[in-house]
Amino acid sequence: MVTNRKYQLRRMPCLDLDNLKYKEKDQLENIFKFWVKNKFNMAVSWDNRLRKSLGTRYDS
């Protein structure tokens, strides 16, 4: 997305990446790909957080 100029202009026309170096563009692209591939179930995540926080009191 970041390294493909035409695609970037279609998806994010208000974002100008022309002044970035290629290395910085590659880093941005890796970050965006990391965000997209990490899908998780928020309800399960919240439940696990509560269980850890409350410990034995969770099921009381």
PDB file of N, CA and C in Angstrom:
ATOM      1  N   MET A   1       0.826  -1.184   0.000  1.00  0.00           N
ATOM      2  CA  MET A   1       0.000   0.000   0.000  1.00  0.00           C
ATOM      3  C   MET A   1       0.873   1.252   0.000  1.00  0.00           C
ATOM      4  N   VAL A   2       1.855   1.303   0.845  1.00  0.00           N
ATOM      5  CA  VAL A   2       2.681   2.493   0.958  1.00  0.00           C
ATOM      6  C   VAL A   2       3.648   2.605  -0.205  1.00  0.00           C
ATOM      7  N   THR A   3       4.167   1.487  -0.658  1.00  0.00           N
ATOM      8  CA  THR A   3       5.163   1.526  -1.725  1.00  0.00           C
ATOM      9  C   THR A   3       4.543   1.621  -3.116  1.00  0.00           C
ATOM     10  N   ASN A   4       3.264   1.361  -3.240  1.00  0.00           N
ATOM     11  CA  ASN A   4       2.566   1.477  -4.516  1.00  0.00           C
ATOM     12  C   ASN A   4       1.871   2.835  -4.567  1.00  0.00           C
ATOM     13  N   ARG A   5       2.444   3.757  -5.309  1.00  0.00           N
ATOM     14  CA  ARG A   5       1.977   5.155  -5.330  1.00  0.00           C
ATOM     15  C   ARG A   5       0.525   5.284  -5.792  1.00  0.00           C
ATOM     16  N   LYS A   6       0.137   4.594  -6.851  1.00  0.00           N
ATOM     17  CA  LYS A   6      -1.231   4.705  -7.374  1.00  0.00           C
ATOM     18  C   LYS A   6      -2.252   4.180  -6.371  1.00  0.00           C
ATOM     19  N   TYR A   7      -1.943   3.045  -5.777  1.00  0.00           N
ATOM     20  CA  TYR A   7      -2.847   2.463  -4.778  1.00  0.00           C
ATOM     21  C   TYR A   7      -2.963   3.379  -3.561  1.00  0.00           C
ATOM     22  N   GLN A   8      -1.841   3.912  -3.133  1.00  0.00           N
ATOM     23  CA  GLN A   8      -1.831   4.812  -1.977  1.00  0.00           C
ATOM     24  C   GLN A   8      -2.665   6.067  -2.242  1.00  0.00           C
ATOM     25  N   LEU A   9      -2.604   6.599  -3.430  1.00  0.00           N
ATOM     26  CA  LEU A   9      -3.393   7.790  -3.760  1.00  0.00           C
ATOM     27  C   LEU A   9      -4.890   7.489  -3.790  1.00  0.00           C
ATOM     28  N   ARG A  10      -5.260   6.273  -4.203  1.00  0.00           N
ATOM     29  CA  ARG A  10      -6.677   5.891  -4.187  1.00  0.00           C
ATOM     30  C   ARG A  10      -7.187   5.698  -2.766  1.00  0.00           C
ATOM     31  N   ARG A  11      -6.384   5.030  -1.931  1.00  0.00           N
ATOM     32  CA  ARG A  11      -6.817   4.690  -0.572  1.00  0.00           C
ATOM     33  C   ARG A  11      -6.654   5.843   0.418  1.00  0.00           C
ATOM     34  N   MET A  12      -5.570   6.599   0.285  1.00  0.00           N
ATOM     35  CA  MET A  12      -5.267   7.678   1.227  1.00  0.00           C
ATOM     36  C   MET A  12      -4.825   8.934   0.481  1.00  0.00           C
ATOM     37  N   PRO A  13      -5.729   9.601  -0.207  1.00  0.00           N
ATOM     38  CA  PRO A  13      -5.320  10.758  -1.005  1.00  0.00           C
ATOM     39  C   PRO A  13      -4.825  11.940  -0.169  1.00  0.00           C
ATOM     40  N   CYS A  14      -5.234  12.023   1.071  1.00  0.00           N
ATOM     41  CA  CYS A  14      -4.831  13.156   1.908  1.00  0.00           C
ATOM     42  C   CYS A  14      -3.464  12.948   2.559  1.00  0.00           C
ATOM     43  N   LEU A  15      -2.886  11.777   2.415  1.00  0.00           N
ATOM     44  CA  LEU A  15      -1.607  11.463   3.040  1.00  0.00           C
ATOM     45  C   LEU A  15      -0.498  11.531   2.000  1.00  0.00           C
ATOM     46  N   ASP A  16       0.468  12.408   2.238  1.00  0.00           N
ATOM     47  CA  ASP A  16       1.574  12.589   1.303  1.00  0.00           C
ATOM     48  C   ASP A  16       2.827  11.910   1.858  1.00  0.00           C
ATOM     49  N   LEU A  17       3.284  10.885   1.180  1.00  0.00           N
ATOM     50  CA  LEU A  17       4.451  10.129   1.626  1.00  0.00           C
ATOM     51  C   LEU A  17       5.678  10.382   0.754  1.00  0.00           C
ATOM     52  N   ASP A  18       5.626  11.409  -0.063  1.00  0.00           N
ATOM     53  CA  ASP A  18       6.712  11.678  -1.004  1.00  0.00           C
ATOM     54  C   ASP A  18       8.035  12.018  -0.325  1.00  0.00           C
ATOM     55  N   ASN A  19       7.985  12.628   0.838  1.00  0.00           N
ATOM     56  CA  ASN A  19       9.215  13.054   1.509  1.00  0.00           C
ATOM     57  C   ASN A  19       9.855  11.961   2.362  1.00  0.00           C
ATOM     58  N   LEU A  20       9.220  10.806   2.407  1.00  0.00           N
ATOM     59  CA  LEU A  20       9.788   9.693   3.168  1.00  0.00           C
ATOM     60  C   LEU A  20      10.803   8.930   2.327  1.00  0.00           C
ATOM     61  N   LYS A  21      11.792   8.384   3.005  1.00  0.00           N
ATOM     62  CA  LYS A  21      12.765   7.529   2.327  1.00  0.00           C
ATOM     63  C   LYS A  21      12.124   6.163   2.095  1.00  0.00           C
ATOM     64  N   TYR A  22      12.710   5.394   1.181  1.00  0.00           N
ATOM     65  CA  TYR A  22      12.165   4.063   0.878  1.00  0.00           C
ATOM     66  C   TYR A  22      12.172   3.170   2.119  1.00  0.00           C
ATOM     67  N   LYS A  23      13.210   3.290   2.925  1.00  0.00           N
ATOM     68  CA  LYS A  23      13.297   2.487   4.147  1.00  0.00           C
ATOM     69  C   LYS A  23      12.133   2.820   5.082  1.00  0.00           C
ATOM     70  N   GLU A  24      11.806   4.091   5.213  1.00  0.00           N
ATOM     71  CA  GLU A  24      10.702   4.514   6.075  1.00  0.00           C
ATOM     72  C   GLU A  24       9.358   4.049   5.519  1.00  0.00           C
ATOM     73  N   LYS A  25       9.217   4.073   4.209  1.00  0.00           N
ATOM     74  CA  LYS A  25       7.990   3.577   3.583  1.00  0.00           C
ATOM     75  C   LYS A  25       7.825   2.079   3.822  1.00  0.00           C
ATOM     76  N   ASP A  26       8.927   1.341   3.716  1.00  0.00           N
ATOM     77  CA  ASP A  26       8.881  -0.098   3.978  1.00  0.00           C
ATOM     78  C   ASP A  26       8.500  -0.378   5.429  1.00  0.00           C
ATOM     79  N   GLN A  27       9.029   0.416   6.348  1.00  0.00           N
ATOM     80  CA  GLN A  27       8.689   0.246   7.762  1.00  0.00           C
ATOM     81  C   GLN A  27       7.208   0.515   8.002  1.00  0.00           C
ATOM     82  N   LEU A  28       6.685   1.560   7.384  1.00  0.00           N
ATOM     83  CA  LEU A  28       5.254   1.857   7.508  1.00  0.00           C
ATOM     84  C   LEU A  28       4.407   0.719   6.960  1.00  0.00           C
ATOM     85  N   GLU A  29       4.803   0.206   5.826  1.00  0.00           N
ATOM     86  CA  GLU A  29       4.053  -0.897   5.220  1.00  0.00           C
ATOM     87  C   GLU A  29       4.054  -2.127   6.125  1.00  0.00           C
ATOM     88  N   ASN A  30       5.189  -2.416   6.743  1.00  0.00           N
ATOM     89  CA  ASN A  30       5.260  -3.553   7.670  1.00  0.00           C
ATOM     90  C   ASN A  30       4.352  -3.345   8.871  1.00  0.00           C
ATOM     91  N   ILE A  31       4.278  -2.132   9.370  1.00  0.00           N
ATOM     92  CA  ILE A  31       3.394  -1.829  10.499  1.00  0.00           C
ATOM     93  C   ILE A  31       1.943  -2.020  10.100  1.00  0.00           C
ATOM     94  N   PHE A  32       1.553  -1.512   8.935  1.00  0.00           N
ATOM     95  CA  PHE A  32       0.170  -1.660   8.473  1.00  0.00           C
ATOM     96  C   PHE A  32      -0.189  -3.134   8.288  1.00  0.00           C
ATOM     97  N   LYS A  33       0.722  -3.903   7.726  1.00  0.00           N
ATOM     98  CA  LYS A  33       0.468  -5.337   7.533  1.00  0.00           C
ATOM     99  C   LYS A  33       0.338  -6.049   8.874  1.00  0.00           C
ATOM    100  N   PHE A  34       1.134  -5.644   9.858  1.00  0.00           N
ATOM    101  CA  PHE A  34       1.055  -6.237  11.190  1.00  0.00           C
ATOM    102  C   PHE A  34      -0.301  -5.956  11.816  1.00  0.00           C
ATOM    103  N   TRP A  35      -0.803  -4.750  11.664  1.00  0.00           N
ATOM    104  CA  TRP A  35      -2.109  -4.391  12.218  1.00  0.00           C
ATOM    105  C   TRP A  35      -3.221  -5.205  11.580  1.00  0.00           C
ATOM    106  N   VAL A  36      -3.146  -5.406  10.288  1.00  0.00           N
ATOM    107  CA  VAL A  36      -4.219  -6.081   9.557  1.00  0.00           C
ATOM    108  C   VAL A  36      -4.274  -7.572   9.883  1.00  0.00           C
ATOM    109  N   LYS A  37      -3.139  -8.232  10.006  1.00  0.00           N
ATOM    110  CA  LYS A  37      -3.148  -9.683  10.172  1.00  0.00           C
ATOM    111  C   LYS A  37      -3.469 -10.129  11.593  1.00  0.00           C
ATOM    112  N   ASN A  38      -3.394  -9.240  12.565  1.00  0.00           N
ATOM    113  CA  ASN A  38      -3.649  -9.626  13.950  1.00  0.00           C
ATOM    114  C   ASN A  38      -5.109  -9.411  14.313  1.00  0.00           C
ATOM    115  N   LYS A  39      -5.951 -10.344  13.915  1.00  0.00           N
ATOM    116  CA  LYS A  39      -7.362 -10.292  14.269  1.00  0.00           C
ATOM    117  C   LYS A  39      -7.552 -11.038  15.576  1.00  0.00           C
ATOM    118  N   PHE A  40      -8.376 -10.485  16.446  1.00  0.00           N
ATOM    119  CA  PHE A  40      -8.628 -11.160  17.703  1.00  0.00           C
ATOM    120  C   PHE A  40     -10.054 -10.883  18.144  1.00  0.00           C
ATOM    121  N   ASN A  41     -10.543 -11.741  19.014  1.00  0.00           N
ATOM    122  CA  ASN A  41     -11.891 -11.625  19.537  1.00  0.00           C
ATOM    123  C   ASN A  41     -11.845 -10.736  20.776  1.00  0.00           C
ATOM    124  N   MET A  42     -12.432  -9.557  20.685  1.00  0.00           N
ATOM    125  CA  MET A  42     -12.366  -8.593  21.778  1.00  0.00           C
ATOM    126  C   MET A  42     -13.065  -9.106  23.032  1.00  0.00           C
ATOM    127  N   ALA A  43     -14.177  -9.801  22.879  1.00  0.00           N
ATOM    128  CA  ALA A  43     -14.911 -10.315  24.037  1.00  0.00           C
ATOM    129  C   ALA A  43     -14.066 -11.321  24.813  1.00  0.00           C
ATOM    130  N   VAL A  44     -13.393 -12.211  24.113  1.00  0.00           N
ATOM    131  CA  VAL A  44     -12.534 -13.198  24.767  1.00  0.00           C
ATOM    132  C   VAL A  44     -11.341 -12.505  25.424  1.00  0.00           C
ATOM    133  N   SER A  45     -10.779 -11.531  24.737  1.00  0.00           N
ATOM    134  CA  SER A  45      -9.647 -10.795  25.292  1.00  0.00           C
ATOM    135  C   SER A  45     -10.038 -10.071  26.578  1.00  0.00           C
ATOM    136  N   TRP A  46     -11.205  -9.438  26.576  1.00  0.00           N
ATOM    137  CA  TRP A  46     -11.684  -8.734  27.762  1.00  0.00           C
ATOM    138  C   TRP A  46     -11.950  -9.720  28.903  1.00  0.00           C
ATOM    139  N   ASP A  47     -12.539 -10.858  28.597  1.00  0.00           N
ATOM    140  CA  ASP A  47     -12.805 -11.871  29.608  1.00  0.00           C
ATOM    141  C   ASP A  47     -11.503 -12.371  30.235  1.00  0.00           C
ATOM    142  N   ASN A  48     -10.509 -12.634  29.418  1.00  0.00           N
ATOM    143  CA  ASN A  48      -9.211 -13.084  29.936  1.00  0.00           C
ATOM    144  C   ASN A  48      -8.561 -12.024  30.817  1.00  0.00           C
ATOM    145  N   ARG A  49      -8.702 -10.774  30.416  1.00  0.00           N
ATOM    146  CA  ARG A  49      -8.135  -9.685  31.217  1.00  0.00           C
ATOM    147  C   ARG A  49      -8.817  -9.600  32.580  1.00  0.00           C
ATOM    148  N   LEU A  50     -10.150  -9.714  32.592  1.00  0.00           N
ATOM    149  CA  LEU A  50     -10.877  -9.683  33.859  1.00  0.00           C
ATOM    150  C   LEU A  50     -10.511 -10.867  34.743  1.00  0.00           C
ATOM    151  N   ARG A  51     -10.415 -12.046  34.149  1.00  0.00           N
ATOM    152  CA  ARG A  51     -10.053 -13.238  34.923  1.00  0.00           C
ATOM    153  C   ARG A  51      -8.684 -13.061  35.586  1.00  0.00           C
ATOM    154  N   LYS A  52      -7.738 -12.516  34.843  1.00  0.00           N
ATOM    155  CA  LYS A  52      -6.398 -12.308  35.392  1.00  0.00           C
ATOM    156  C   LYS A  52      -6.417 -11.233  36.476  1.00  0.00           C
ATOM    157  N   SER A  53      -7.160 -10.171  36.237  1.00  0.00           N
ATOM    158  CA  SER A  53      -7.215  -9.063  37.187  1.00  0.00           C
ATOM    159  C   SER A  53      -7.913  -9.453  38.489  1.00  0.00           C
ATOM    160  N   LEU A  54      -9.038 -10.159  38.371  1.00  0.00           N
ATOM    161  CA  LEU A  54      -9.831 -10.489  39.555  1.00  0.00           C
ATOM    162  C   LEU A  54      -9.394 -11.783  40.235  1.00  0.00           C
ATOM    163  N   GLY A  55      -8.700 -12.629  39.516  1.00  0.00           N
ATOM    164  CA  GLY A  55      -8.194 -13.869  40.102  1.00  0.00           C
ATOM    165  C   GLY A  55      -9.312 -14.771  40.588  1.00  0.00           C
ATOM    166  N   THR A  56      -9.241 -15.186  41.846  1.00  0.00           N
ATOM    167  CA  THR A  56     -10.232 -16.120  42.402  1.00  0.00           C
ATOM    168  C   THR A  56     -11.592 -15.471  42.604  1.00  0.00           C
ATOM    169  N   ARG A  57     -11.654 -14.152  42.646  1.00  0.00           N
ATOM    170  CA  ARG A  57     -12.936 -13.460  42.839  1.00  0.00           C
ATOM    171  C   ARG A  57     -13.788 -13.453  41.572  1.00  0.00           C
ATOM    172  N   TYR A  58     -13.216 -13.818  40.432  1.00  0.00           N
ATOM    173  CA  TYR A  58     -13.945 -13.750  39.161  1.00  0.00           C
ATOM    174  C   TYR A  58     -15.200 -14.613  39.170  1.00  0.00           C
ATOM    175  N   ASP A  59     -15.099 -15.834  39.631  1.00  0.00           N
ATOM    176  CA  ASP A  59     -16.229 -16.768  39.600  1.00  0.00           C
ATOM    177  C   ASP A  59     -17.070 -16.744  40.870  1.00  0.00           C
ATOM    178  N   SER A  60     -16.737 -15.889  41.806  1.00  0.00           N
ATOM    179  CA  SER A  60     -17.482 -15.843  43.081  1.00  0.00           C
ATOM    180  C   SER A  60     -18.850 -15.232  42.920  1.00  0.00           C
TER     181      SER A  60
END
